[in-house]
Amino acid sequence: MTKTTFALIGTGVVGERIINQILAHPNCEIVSVYDENKTRLKEISTKYQITASETLDELFKLQPNWVYIGTPPVSHAPLAEQIAAHGLNILSEKPLAHDSQDGIRMVKAASEAKVHTAMHFPLMYSPIVHSLKKAVTTDSLGDIVRIELQTYFPHWPRKWQQNPWIASREQGGFIREIFPHYLQVLYHLFGDFTISTHETNYPKNEELCETGVTALAKTESGIPIVLNSLSGIGQEELLEFKVFGTKKVMTIRNWSELWESEADQKATQYIPKSKQESLLDACHSLINGKESLIVSFEEGLKVQKWIDQLLK
């Protein structure tokens, strides 16, 4: 079977993770990478022995099946418009865009060019999310009475994620960086929801991103949702997405752990046994006309609108 080809724009920390995933995939390959930072581009090209493009036009001429956007959010919309104009499918990093207006531009460009779109939401392909979805849809949790997302950061930016924009109010912050993953899972499991009230806290320095947010929301079926996050606090980093049921409570903790508990019992870690389709599997399947789990730009735009609301 012909391999699915990728070109990458942006070779930061997450972009390098994508590079490693593609290189390890039997049905995918990289045809080129591009980065405005020429020193970083040369470093990545040499390290992984992959072709570097000096310009975007040079990259587009290679006609890859997918072009990955791994750049800061403000650049997503203009890049997506360029990629769509060349008739190429687009895989975008989250959040979809700088704001929902830019997100609408991206959806429009891809729709008019009739190209496939996908979002990089790795949690969606995780066995723990698959297991949580099964528990929700089979009613093994009982009646679901609340959903909570709690994220706490002693440092923001996190120590491994230092770059010029991740702490900025214009493009950075944990609402843009962390919340999209979990809001997408929330939408995937429970459908649309409405944020009724929220309070977002910012430092006096207007250049810096938020330090806290608390929000109340509700699913269309009436399940209450609580969103709560803080940075710069005296504890270890902790992320928990909790689904409270009358029979069981299940918690996604720190991205990769799934815990379950019952009344009067300590929580135990649930270890999924099945392996799920990966994002690259899904991109490969879509190109070959097969059904696959893809988060489209249209879904990414839904998440973007919730992000915009929380940032106000």
C-alpha atoms as a PDB file:
ATOM      1  CA  MET A   1       0.000   0.000   0.000  1.00  0.00           C
ATOM      2  CA  THR A   2       1.251   3.482  -0.858  1.00  0.00           C
ATOM      3  CA  LYS A   3       2.420   5.445   2.131  1.00  0.00           C
ATOM      4  CA  THR A   4       0.604   8.595   3.226  1.00  0.00           C
ATOM      5  CA  THR A   5       2.913  11.585   2.946  1.00  0.00           C
ATOM      6  CA  PHE A   6       3.253  14.526   5.312  1.00  0.00           C
ATOM      7  CA  ALA A   7       4.969  17.888   5.174  1.00  0.00           C
ATOM      8  CA  LEU A   8       5.382  19.821   8.416  1.00  0.00           C
ATOM      9  CA  ILE A   9       5.330  23.558   9.025  1.00  0.00           C
ATOM     10  CA  GLY A  10       6.790  24.221  12.464  1.00  0.00           C
ATOM     11  CA  THR A  11       9.401  22.117  14.241  1.00  0.00           C
ATOM     12  CA  GLY A  12       8.903  23.069  17.890  1.00  0.00           C
ATOM     13  CA  VAL A  13       8.480  20.630  20.778  1.00  0.00           C
ATOM     14  CA  VAL A  14       5.117  19.298  19.592  1.00  0.00           C
ATOM     15  CA  GLY A  15       6.196  19.351  15.934  1.00  0.00           C
ATOM     16  CA  GLU A  16       9.178  17.175  16.833  1.00  0.00           C
ATOM     17  CA  ARG A  17       6.834  14.722  18.567  1.00  0.00           C
ATOM     18  CA  ILE A  18       4.800  14.488  15.365  1.00  0.00           C
ATOM     19  CA  ILE A  19       8.007  13.878  13.401  1.00  0.00           C
ATOM     20  CA  ASN A  20       8.898  10.955  15.653  1.00  0.00           C
ATOM     21  CA  GLN A  21       5.396   9.497  15.361  1.00  0.00           C
ATOM     22  CA  ILE A  22       5.425   9.686  11.559  1.00  0.00           C
ATOM     23  CA  LEU A  23       8.908   8.179  11.297  1.00  0.00           C
ATOM     24  CA  ALA A  24       7.763   5.264  13.480  1.00  0.00           C
ATOM     25  CA  HIS A  25       4.571   4.639  11.477  1.00  0.00           C
ATOM     26  CA  PRO A  26       4.754   1.893   8.828  1.00  0.00           C
ATOM     27  CA  ASN A  27       2.264   3.577   6.485  1.00  0.00           C
ATOM     28  CA  CYS A  28       3.375   7.207   6.754  1.00  0.00           C
ATOM     29  CA  GLU A  29       6.417   9.216   5.728  1.00  0.00           C
ATOM     30  CA  ILE A  30       7.723  12.784   5.797  1.00  0.00           C
ATOM     31  CA  VAL A  31       8.557  14.475   2.497  1.00  0.00           C
ATOM     32  CA  SER A  32       9.717  17.793   3.954  1.00  0.00           C
ATOM     33  CA  VAL A  33       9.771  20.138   6.934  1.00  0.00           C
ATOM     34  CA  TYR A  34       9.795  23.920   7.088  1.00  0.00           C
ATOM     35  CA  ASP A  35      10.441  26.424   9.857  1.00  0.00           C
ATOM     36  CA  GLU A  36      11.089  30.167   9.797  1.00  0.00           C
ATOM     37  CA  ASN A  37      13.811  29.530  12.375  1.00  0.00           C
ATOM     38  CA  LYS A  38      16.554  28.332  10.015  1.00  0.00           C
ATOM     39  CA  THR A  39      18.817  27.180  12.847  1.00  0.00           C
ATOM     40  CA  ARG A  40      16.076  24.958  14.255  1.00  0.00           C
ATOM     41  CA  LEU A  41      15.170  23.748  10.753  1.00  0.00           C
ATOM     42  CA  LYS A  42      18.747  22.658  10.068  1.00  0.00           C
ATOM     43  CA  GLU A  43      18.969  21.005  13.476  1.00  0.00           C
ATOM     44  CA  ILE A  44      15.809  18.947  12.935  1.00  0.00           C
ATOM     45  CA  SER A  45      16.651  18.120   9.316  1.00  0.00           C
ATOM     46  CA  THR A  46      20.096  16.857  10.312  1.00  0.00           C
ATOM     47  CA  LYS A  47      18.926  15.021  13.428  1.00  0.00           C
ATOM     48  CA  TYR A  48      16.244  13.022  11.618  1.00  0.00           C
ATOM     49  CA  GLN A  49      17.773  12.969   8.128  1.00  0.00           C
ATOM     50  CA  ILE A  50      14.697  14.502   6.506  1.00  0.00           C
ATOM     51  CA  THR A  51      14.406  17.034   3.700  1.00  0.00           C
ATOM     52  CA  ALA A  52      14.098  20.690   4.644  1.00  0.00           C
ATOM     53  CA  SER A  53      12.293  23.216   2.444  1.00  0.00           C
ATOM     54  CA  GLU A  54      13.694  26.727   2.288  1.00  0.00           C
ATOM     55  CA  THR A  55      10.299  28.222   1.393  1.00  0.00           C
ATOM     56  CA  LEU A  56       6.641  27.270   1.715  1.00  0.00           C
ATOM     57  CA  ASP A  57       6.262  27.217  -2.074  1.00  0.00           C
ATOM     58  CA  GLU A  58       9.037  24.649  -2.224  1.00  0.00           C
ATOM     59  CA  LEU A  59       7.200  22.541   0.351  1.00  0.00           C
ATOM     60  CA  PHE A  60       3.821  22.832  -1.401  1.00  0.00           C
ATOM     61  CA  LYS A  61       5.295  21.742  -4.741  1.00  0.00           C
ATOM     62  CA  LEU A  62       6.060  18.334  -3.222  1.00  0.00           C
ATOM     63  CA  GLN A  63       2.272  17.693  -3.095  1.00  0.00           C
ATOM     64  CA  PRO A  64       2.118  15.822   0.217  1.00  0.00           C
ATOM     65  CA  ASN A  65      -1.152  14.170   1.230  1.00  0.00           C
ATOM     66  CA  TRP A  66      -1.195  16.235   4.428  1.00  0.00           C
ATOM     67  CA  VAL A  67       0.407  19.477   5.554  1.00  0.00           C
ATOM     68  CA  TYR A  68       0.762  19.829   9.318  1.00  0.00           C
ATOM     69  CA  ILE A  69       0.527  23.296  10.910  1.00  0.00           C
ATOM     70  CA  GLY A  70       2.568  23.347  14.119  1.00  0.00           C
ATOM     71  CA  THR A  71       3.049  27.092  14.513  1.00  0.00           C
ATOM     72  CA  PRO A  72       1.646  29.669  16.991  1.00  0.00           C
ATOM     73  CA  PRO A  73      -2.158  30.133  16.698  1.00  0.00           C
ATOM     74  CA  VAL A  74      -2.091  33.566  15.040  1.00  0.00           C
ATOM     75  CA  SER A  75      -0.475  32.027  11.936  1.00  0.00           C
ATOM     76  CA  HIS A  76      -2.908  29.117  11.513  1.00  0.00           C
ATOM     77  CA  ALA A  77      -5.512  30.891   9.374  1.00  0.00           C
ATOM     78  CA  PRO A  78      -3.173  32.390   6.732  1.00  0.00           C
ATOM     79  CA  LEU A  79      -1.250  29.115   6.492  1.00  0.00           C
ATOM     80  CA  ALA A  80      -4.443  27.066   6.143  1.00  0.00           C
ATOM     81  CA  GLU A  81      -5.613  29.365   3.341  1.00  0.00           C
ATOM     82  CA  GLN A  82      -2.324  28.880   1.499  1.00  0.00           C
ATOM     83  CA  ILE A  83      -2.395  25.102   1.947  1.00  0.00           C
ATOM     84  CA  ALA A  84      -6.027  24.859   0.807  1.00  0.00           C
ATOM     85  CA  ALA A  85      -5.251  27.010  -2.241  1.00  0.00           C
ATOM     86  CA  HIS A  86      -2.764  24.304  -3.283  1.00  0.00           C
ATOM     87  CA  GLY A  87      -5.440  21.610  -2.881  1.00  0.00           C
ATOM     88  CA  LEU A  88      -3.670  19.913   0.018  1.00  0.00           C
ATOM     89  CA  ASN A  89      -5.256  18.339   3.101  1.00  0.00           C
ATOM     90  CA  ILE A  90      -4.582  20.132   6.384  1.00  0.00           C
ATOM     91  CA  LEU A  91      -3.673  18.751   9.822  1.00  0.00           C
ATOM     92  CA  SER A  92      -3.652  21.579  12.373  1.00  0.00           C
ATOM     93  CA  GLU A  93      -2.324  21.861  15.873  1.00  0.00           C
ATOM     94  CA  LYS A  94      -4.802  22.991  18.508  1.00  0.00           C
ATOM     95  CA  PRO A  95      -6.354  25.410  19.162  1.00  0.00           C
ATOM     96  CA  LEU A  96      -7.731  25.733  15.639  1.00  0.00           C
ATOM     97  CA  ALA A  97      -6.836  29.409  15.362  1.00  0.00           C
ATOM     98  CA  HIS A  98      -6.115  32.658  17.160  1.00  0.00           C
ATOM     99  CA  ASP A  99      -9.864  33.219  17.554  1.00  0.00           C
ATOM    100  CA  SER A 100     -13.159  32.042  16.088  1.00  0.00           C
ATOM    101  CA  GLN A 101     -13.065  34.652  13.303  1.00  0.00           C
ATOM    102  CA  ASP A 102      -9.814  33.134  12.061  1.00  0.00           C
ATOM    103  CA  GLY A 103     -11.312  29.681  12.591  1.00  0.00           C
ATOM    104  CA  ILE A 104     -14.210  30.577  10.295  1.00  0.00           C
ATOM    105  CA  ARG A 105     -11.664  31.595   7.637  1.00  0.00           C
ATOM    106  CA  MET A 106     -10.015  28.183   7.935  1.00  0.00           C
ATOM    107  CA  VAL A 107     -13.273  26.262   7.671  1.00  0.00           C
ATOM    108  CA  LYS A 108     -14.307  28.346   4.653  1.00  0.00           C
ATOM    109  CA  ALA A 109     -10.976  27.913   2.845  1.00  0.00           C
ATOM    110  CA  ALA A 110     -10.942  24.137   3.330  1.00  0.00           C
ATOM    111  CA  SER A 111     -14.596  23.765   2.345  1.00  0.00           C
ATOM    112  CA  GLU A 112     -14.217  25.775  -0.837  1.00  0.00           C
ATOM    113  CA  ALA A 113     -11.077  23.844  -1.810  1.00  0.00           C
ATOM    114  CA  LYS A 114     -12.791  20.523  -0.944  1.00  0.00           C
ATOM    115  CA  VAL A 115      -9.801  19.293   1.084  1.00  0.00           C
ATOM    116  CA  HIS A 116      -9.797  17.086   4.169  1.00  0.00           C
ATOM    117  CA  THR A 117      -9.100  18.652   7.549  1.00  0.00           C
ATOM    118  CA  ALA A 118      -7.999  17.196  10.872  1.00  0.00           C
ATOM    119  CA  MET A 119      -7.035  18.471  14.308  1.00  0.00           C
ATOM    120  CA  HIS A 120      -4.226  17.177  16.510  1.00  0.00           C
ATOM    121  CA  PHE A 121      -6.159  16.099  19.587  1.00  0.00           C
ATOM    122  CA  PRO A 122      -4.120  13.099  20.816  1.00  0.00           C
ATOM    123  CA  LEU A 123      -6.467  12.401  23.755  1.00  0.00           C
ATOM    124  CA  MET A 124      -9.169  11.490  21.249  1.00  0.00           C
ATOM    125  CA  TYR A 125      -7.090   8.490  20.172  1.00  0.00           C
ATOM    126  CA  SER A 126      -6.195   7.384  23.676  1.00  0.00           C
ATOM    127  CA  PRO A 127      -7.429   4.013  25.028  1.00  0.00           C
ATOM    128  CA  ILE A 128      -8.445   5.782  28.255  1.00  0.00           C
ATOM    129  CA  VAL A 129     -10.881   8.061  26.413  1.00  0.00           C
ATOM    130  CA  HIS A 130     -12.240   5.066  24.497  1.00  0.00           C
ATOM    131  CA  SER A 131     -12.766   3.249  27.811  1.00  0.00           C
ATOM    132  CA  LEU A 132     -14.426   6.287  29.396  1.00  0.00           C
ATOM    133  CA  LYS A 133     -16.731   6.636  26.389  1.00  0.00           C
ATOM    134  CA  LYS A 134     -17.730   2.984  26.668  1.00  0.00           C
ATOM    135  CA  ALA A 135     -18.531   3.466  30.360  1.00  0.00           C
ATOM    136  CA  VAL A 136     -20.627   6.554  29.588  1.00  0.00           C
ATOM    137  CA  THR A 137     -22.560   4.996  26.700  1.00  0.00           C
ATOM    138  CA  THR A 138     -23.250   1.695  28.483  1.00  0.00           C
ATOM    139  CA  ASP A 139     -24.577   3.442  31.602  1.00  0.00           C
ATOM    140  CA  SER A 140     -22.078   1.628  33.821  1.00  0.00           C
ATOM    141  CA  LEU A 141     -21.560   4.891  35.733  1.00  0.00           C
ATOM    142  CA  GLY A 142     -25.249   5.147  36.534  1.00  0.00           C
ATOM    143  CA  ASP A 143     -26.889   8.555  36.175  1.00  0.00           C
ATOM    144  CA  ILE A 144     -24.245  11.163  35.367  1.00  0.00           C
ATOM    145  CA  VAL A 145     -24.714  14.083  37.730  1.00  0.00           C
ATOM    146  CA  ARG A 146     -21.684  16.283  37.075  1.00  0.00           C
ATOM    147  CA  ILE A 147     -18.586  16.724  34.899  1.00  0.00           C
ATOM    148  CA  GLU A 148     -15.534  18.577  36.183  1.00  0.00           C
ATOM    149  CA  LEU A 149     -12.267  19.720  34.661  1.00  0.00           C
ATOM    150  CA  GLN A 150      -9.576  20.837  37.091  1.00  0.00           C
ATOM    151  CA  THR A 151      -6.104  21.892  35.954  1.00  0.00           C
ATOM    152  CA  TYR A 152      -3.453  23.223  38.327  1.00  0.00           C
ATOM    153  CA  PHE A 153       0.000  24.428  37.319  1.00  0.00           C
ATOM    154  CA  PRO A 154       2.809  25.466  39.671  1.00  0.00           C
ATOM    155  CA  HIS A 155       4.479  27.062  36.640  1.00  0.00           C
ATOM    156  CA  TRP A 156       3.108  28.585  33.473  1.00  0.00           C
ATOM    157  CA  PRO A 157       4.663  28.194  31.039  1.00  0.00           C
ATOM    158  CA  ARG A 158       5.633  24.705  32.118  1.00  0.00           C
ATOM    159  CA  LYS A 159       9.387  24.258  32.498  1.00  0.00           C
ATOM    160  CA  TRP A 160       9.716  22.161  29.335  1.00  0.00           C
ATOM    161  CA  GLN A 161       7.647  24.551  27.206  1.00  0.00           C
ATOM    162  CA  GLN A 162       9.551  27.833  27.201  1.00  0.00           C
ATOM    163  CA  ASN A 163       9.034  29.915  24.052  1.00  0.00           C
ATOM    164  CA  PRO A 164       8.331  33.566  23.229  1.00  0.00           C
ATOM    165  CA  TRP A 165       4.550  33.262  22.905  1.00  0.00           C
ATOM    166  CA  ILE A 166       3.293  30.565  25.294  1.00  0.00           C
ATOM    167  CA  ALA A 167       3.019  33.017  28.207  1.00  0.00           C
ATOM    168  CA  SER A 168       1.554  35.866  26.145  1.00  0.00           C
ATOM    169  CA  ARG A 169      -2.003  37.111  26.462  1.00  0.00           C
ATOM    170  CA  GLU A 170      -2.223  37.374  22.671  1.00  0.00           C
ATOM    171  CA  GLN A 171      -1.568  33.710  21.867  1.00  0.00           C
ATOM    172  CA  GLY A 172      -0.628  31.706  24.952  1.00  0.00           C
ATOM    173  CA  GLY A 173      -2.070  30.592  28.254  1.00  0.00           C
ATOM    174  CA  PHE A 174      -3.496  27.319  29.527  1.00  0.00           C
ATOM    175  CA  ILE A 175      -7.012  28.105  28.269  1.00  0.00           C
ATOM    176  CA  ARG A 176      -5.639  27.969  24.719  1.00  0.00           C
ATOM    177  CA  GLU A 177      -3.054  25.251  25.326  1.00  0.00           C
ATOM    178  CA  ILE A 178      -4.745  22.801  27.702  1.00  0.00           C
ATOM    179  CA  PHE A 179      -8.489  23.374  27.657  1.00  0.00           C
ATOM    180  CA  PRO A 180      -9.018  22.508  23.947  1.00  0.00           C
ATOM    181  CA  HIS A 181      -8.017  18.878  24.581  1.00  0.00           C
ATOM    182  CA  TYR A 182     -10.565  18.401  27.329  1.00  0.00           C
ATOM    183  CA  LEU A 183     -13.334  20.510  25.803  1.00  0.00           C
ATOM    184  CA  GLN A 184     -13.015  18.323  22.698  1.00  0.00           C
ATOM    185  CA  VAL A 185     -13.315  15.165  24.831  1.00  0.00           C
ATOM    186  CA  LEU A 186     -16.294  16.733  26.606  1.00  0.00           C
ATOM    187  CA  TYR A 187     -17.975  17.442  23.270  1.00  0.00           C
ATOM    188  CA  HIS A 188     -17.120  13.951  21.964  1.00  0.00           C
ATOM    189  CA  LEU A 189     -18.697  12.280  25.000  1.00  0.00           C
ATOM    190  CA  PHE A 190     -21.668  14.525  25.729  1.00  0.00           C
ATOM    191  CA  GLY A 191     -22.316  16.757  22.717  1.00  0.00           C
ATOM    192  CA  ASP A 192     -22.840  20.504  22.755  1.00  0.00           C
ATOM    193  CA  PHE A 193     -22.797  22.475  25.990  1.00  0.00           C
ATOM    194  CA  THR A 194     -23.379  26.082  27.021  1.00  0.00           C
ATOM    195  CA  ILE A 195     -21.136  28.143  29.297  1.00  0.00           C
ATOM    196  CA  SER A 196     -23.471  30.169  31.495  1.00  0.00           C
ATOM    197  CA  THR A 197     -20.989  32.095  33.628  1.00  0.00           C
ATOM    198  CA  HIS A 198     -17.248  32.399  34.090  1.00  0.00           C
ATOM    199  CA  GLU A 199     -14.548  34.479  35.744  1.00  0.00           C
ATOM    200  CA  THR A 200     -11.076  34.678  34.197  1.00  0.00           C
ATOM    201  CA  ASN A 201      -8.233  36.271  36.138  1.00  0.00           C
ATOM    202  CA  TYR A 202      -5.317  38.143  34.556  1.00  0.00           C
ATOM    203  CA  PRO A 203      -2.137  39.681  36.012  1.00  0.00           C
ATOM    204  CA  LYS A 204      -1.550  43.436  35.980  1.00  0.00           C
ATOM    205  CA  ASN A 205       0.991  43.029  33.176  1.00  0.00           C
ATOM    206  CA  GLU A 206      -1.244  43.188  30.100  1.00  0.00           C
ATOM    207  CA  GLU A 207       1.295  41.250  28.049  1.00  0.00           C
ATOM    208  CA  LEU A 208       0.873  38.111  30.163  1.00  0.00           C
ATOM    209  CA  CYS A 209      -1.768  35.381  29.904  1.00  0.00           C
ATOM    210  CA  GLU A 210      -4.442  34.386  32.412  1.00  0.00           C
ATOM    211  CA  THR A 211      -3.614  32.994  35.848  1.00  0.00           C
ATOM    212  CA  GLY A 212      -6.982  31.457  36.688  1.00  0.00           C
ATOM    213  CA  VAL A 213     -10.441  30.661  35.397  1.00  0.00           C
ATOM    214  CA  THR A 214     -13.637  29.267  36.908  1.00  0.00           C
ATOM    215  CA  ALA A 215     -16.694  28.519  34.777  1.00  0.00           C
ATOM    216  CA  LEU A 216     -20.094  26.869  35.006  1.00  0.00           C
ATOM    217  CA  ALA A 217     -21.678  25.180  32.013  1.00  0.00           C
ATOM    218  CA  LYS A 218     -24.358  22.630  31.175  1.00  0.00           C
ATOM    219  CA  THR A 219     -24.807  19.979  28.496  1.00  0.00           C
ATOM    220  CA  GLU A 220     -27.916  19.995  26.321  1.00  0.00           C
ATOM    221  CA  SER A 221     -29.209  17.072  28.397  1.00  0.00           C
ATOM    222  CA  GLY A 222     -28.811  19.158  31.562  1.00  0.00           C
ATOM    223  CA  ILE A 223     -25.623  17.753  33.125  1.00  0.00           C
ATOM    224  CA  PRO A 224     -23.779  20.478  35.104  1.00  0.00           C
ATOM    225  CA  ILE A 225     -20.146  21.181  34.188  1.00  0.00           C
ATOM    226  CA  VAL A 226     -17.511  22.861  36.353  1.00  0.00           C
ATOM    227  CA  LEU A 227     -14.257  24.182  34.869  1.00  0.00           C
ATOM    228  CA  ASN A 228     -11.533  25.323  37.250  1.00  0.00           C
ATOM    229  CA  SER A 229      -7.885  26.186  36.666  1.00  0.00           C
ATOM    230  CA  LEU A 230      -5.018  28.029  38.372  1.00  0.00           C
ATOM    231  CA  SER A 231      -1.338  28.646  37.714  1.00  0.00           C
ATOM    232  CA  GLY A 232       1.485  29.866  39.910  1.00  0.00           C
ATOM    233  CA  ILE A 233       0.385  27.875  42.954  1.00  0.00           C
ATOM    234  CA  GLY A 234       2.182  25.823  45.612  1.00  0.00           C
ATOM    235  CA  GLN A 235       1.479  22.264  44.544  1.00  0.00           C
ATOM    236  CA  GLU A 236       2.513  19.783  41.896  1.00  0.00           C
ATOM    237  CA  GLU A 237       0.930  19.937  38.454  1.00  0.00           C
ATOM    238  CA  LEU A 238      -2.428  18.151  38.389  1.00  0.00           C
ATOM    239  CA  LEU A 239      -4.973  17.720  35.601  1.00  0.00           C
ATOM    240  CA  GLU A 240      -8.220  15.861  36.221  1.00  0.00           C
ATOM    241  CA  PHE A 241     -11.250  15.364  33.983  1.00  0.00           C
ATOM    242  CA  LYS A 242     -13.938  13.755  36.151  1.00  0.00           C
ATOM    243  CA  VAL A 243     -17.286  12.226  35.245  1.00  0.00           C
ATOM    244  CA  PHE A 244     -19.439  11.746  38.340  1.00  0.00           C
ATOM    245  CA  GLY A 245     -22.038   8.977  38.199  1.00  0.00           C
ATOM    246  CA  THR A 246     -24.388   7.606  40.829  1.00  0.00           C
ATOM    247  CA  LYS A 247     -22.714   4.184  40.538  1.00  0.00           C
ATOM    248  CA  LYS A 248     -19.130   5.102  39.649  1.00  0.00           C
ATOM    249  CA  VAL A 249     -16.852   8.085  39.183  1.00  0.00           C
ATOM    250  CA  MET A 250     -14.201   7.940  36.444  1.00  0.00           C
ATOM    251  CA  THR A 251     -11.249  10.326  36.210  1.00  0.00           C
ATOM    252  CA  ILE A 252      -8.699  11.018  33.507  1.00  0.00           C
ATOM    253  CA  ARG A 253      -5.673  12.108  35.524  1.00  0.00           C
ATOM    254  CA  ASN A 254      -2.582  13.780  34.086  1.00  0.00           C
ATOM    255  CA  TRP A 255      -3.375  12.881  30.466  1.00  0.00           C
ATOM    256  CA  SER A 256      -2.632   9.150  30.542  1.00  0.00           C
ATOM    257  CA  GLU A 257      -4.218   7.628  33.661  1.00  0.00           C
ATOM    258  CA  LEU A 258      -7.818   6.482  34.062  1.00  0.00           C
ATOM    259  CA  TRP A 259      -9.146   5.984  37.599  1.00  0.00           C
ATOM    260  CA  GLU A 260     -12.496   4.651  38.766  1.00  0.00           C
ATOM    261  CA  SER A 261     -14.179   4.571  42.155  1.00  0.00           C
ATOM    262  CA  GLU A 262     -17.384   3.367  43.780  1.00  0.00           C
ATOM    263  CA  ALA A 263     -19.126   4.491  46.939  1.00  0.00           C
ATOM    264  CA  ASP A 264     -17.024   4.002  50.104  1.00  0.00           C
ATOM    265  CA  GLN A 265     -14.078   2.599  48.140  1.00  0.00           C
ATOM    266  CA  LYS A 266     -10.681   3.996  47.212  1.00  0.00           C
ATOM    267  CA  ALA A 267     -10.145   4.836  43.565  1.00  0.00           C
ATOM    268  CA  THR A 268      -8.291   2.222  41.524  1.00  0.00           C
ATOM    269  CA  GLN A 269      -6.458   2.725  38.262  1.00  0.00           C
ATOM    270  CA  TYR A 270      -8.169   1.237  35.230  1.00  0.00           C
ATOM    271  CA  ILE A 271      -5.785  -0.210  32.634  1.00  0.00           C
ATOM    272  CA  PRO A 272      -7.367  -0.394  29.153  1.00  0.00           C
ATOM    273  CA  LYS A 273      -6.602  -3.635  27.328  1.00  0.00           C
ATOM    274  CA  SER A 274      -7.338  -2.616  23.757  1.00  0.00           C
ATOM    275  CA  LYS A 275      -5.193  -0.503  21.460  1.00  0.00           C
ATOM    276  CA  GLN A 276      -6.949   2.250  19.537  1.00  0.00           C
ATOM    277  CA  GLU A 277      -6.480   3.754  16.092  1.00  0.00           C
ATOM    278  CA  SER A 278      -3.941   6.586  16.178  1.00  0.00           C
ATOM    279  CA  LEU A 279      -4.272   9.994  14.548  1.00  0.00           C
ATOM    280  CA  LEU A 280      -1.829   8.898  11.828  1.00  0.00           C
ATOM    281  CA  ASP A 281      -3.840   5.707  11.288  1.00  0.00           C
ATOM    282  CA  ALA A 282      -6.918   7.899  10.839  1.00  0.00           C
ATOM    283  CA  CYS A 283      -5.177  10.241   8.386  1.00  0.00           C
ATOM    284  CA  HIS A 284      -3.940   7.253   6.380  1.00  0.00           C
ATOM    285  CA  SER A 285      -7.381   5.618   6.364  1.00  0.00           C
ATOM    286  CA  LEU A 286      -9.126   8.816   5.267  1.00  0.00           C
ATOM    287  CA  ILE A 287      -6.790   9.232   2.294  1.00  0.00           C
ATOM    288  CA  ASN A 288      -7.593   5.649   1.291  1.00  0.00           C
ATOM    289  CA  GLY A 289     -11.350   6.139   1.459  1.00  0.00           C
ATOM    290  CA  LYS A 290     -11.946   4.371   4.764  1.00  0.00           C
ATOM    291  CA  GLU A 291     -13.946   5.577   7.743  1.00  0.00           C
ATOM    292  CA  SER A 292     -11.820   6.972  10.544  1.00  0.00           C
ATOM    293  CA  LEU A 293     -12.020   9.076  13.689  1.00  0.00           C
ATOM    294  CA  ILE A 294     -11.082  12.577  12.565  1.00  0.00           C
ATOM    295  CA  VAL A 295     -11.716  15.850  14.394  1.00  0.00           C
ATOM    296  CA  SER A 296     -12.509  18.230  11.545  1.00  0.00           C
ATOM    297  CA  PHE A 297     -11.998  21.983  11.435  1.00  0.00           C
ATOM    298  CA  GLU A 298     -15.755  22.328  11.973  1.00  0.00           C
ATOM    299  CA  GLU A 299     -15.406  20.584  15.350  1.00  0.00           C
ATOM    300  CA  GLY A 300     -12.264  22.569  16.068  1.00  0.00           C
ATOM    301  CA  LEU A 301     -14.276  25.742  15.512  1.00  0.00           C
ATOM    302  CA  LYS A 302     -16.827  24.658  18.138  1.00  0.00           C
ATOM    303  CA  VAL A 303     -14.007  24.316  20.662  1.00  0.00           C
ATOM    304  CA  GLN A 304     -12.513  27.632  19.521  1.00  0.00           C
ATOM    305  CA  LYS A 305     -15.750  29.459  20.320  1.00  0.00           C
ATOM    306  CA  TRP A 306     -15.762  28.081  23.875  1.00  0.00           C
ATOM    307  CA  ILE A 307     -12.109  29.096  24.254  1.00  0.00           C
ATOM    308  CA  ASP A 308     -12.893  32.618  23.049  1.00  0.00           C
ATOM    309  CA  GLN A 309     -15.726  32.868  25.565  1.00  0.00           C
ATOM    310  CA  LEU A 310     -13.500  31.810  28.477  1.00  0.00           C
ATOM    311  CA  LEU A 311     -10.781  34.277  27.521  1.00  0.00           C
ATOM    312  CA  LYS A 312     -13.126  37.287  27.817  1.00  0.00           C
END
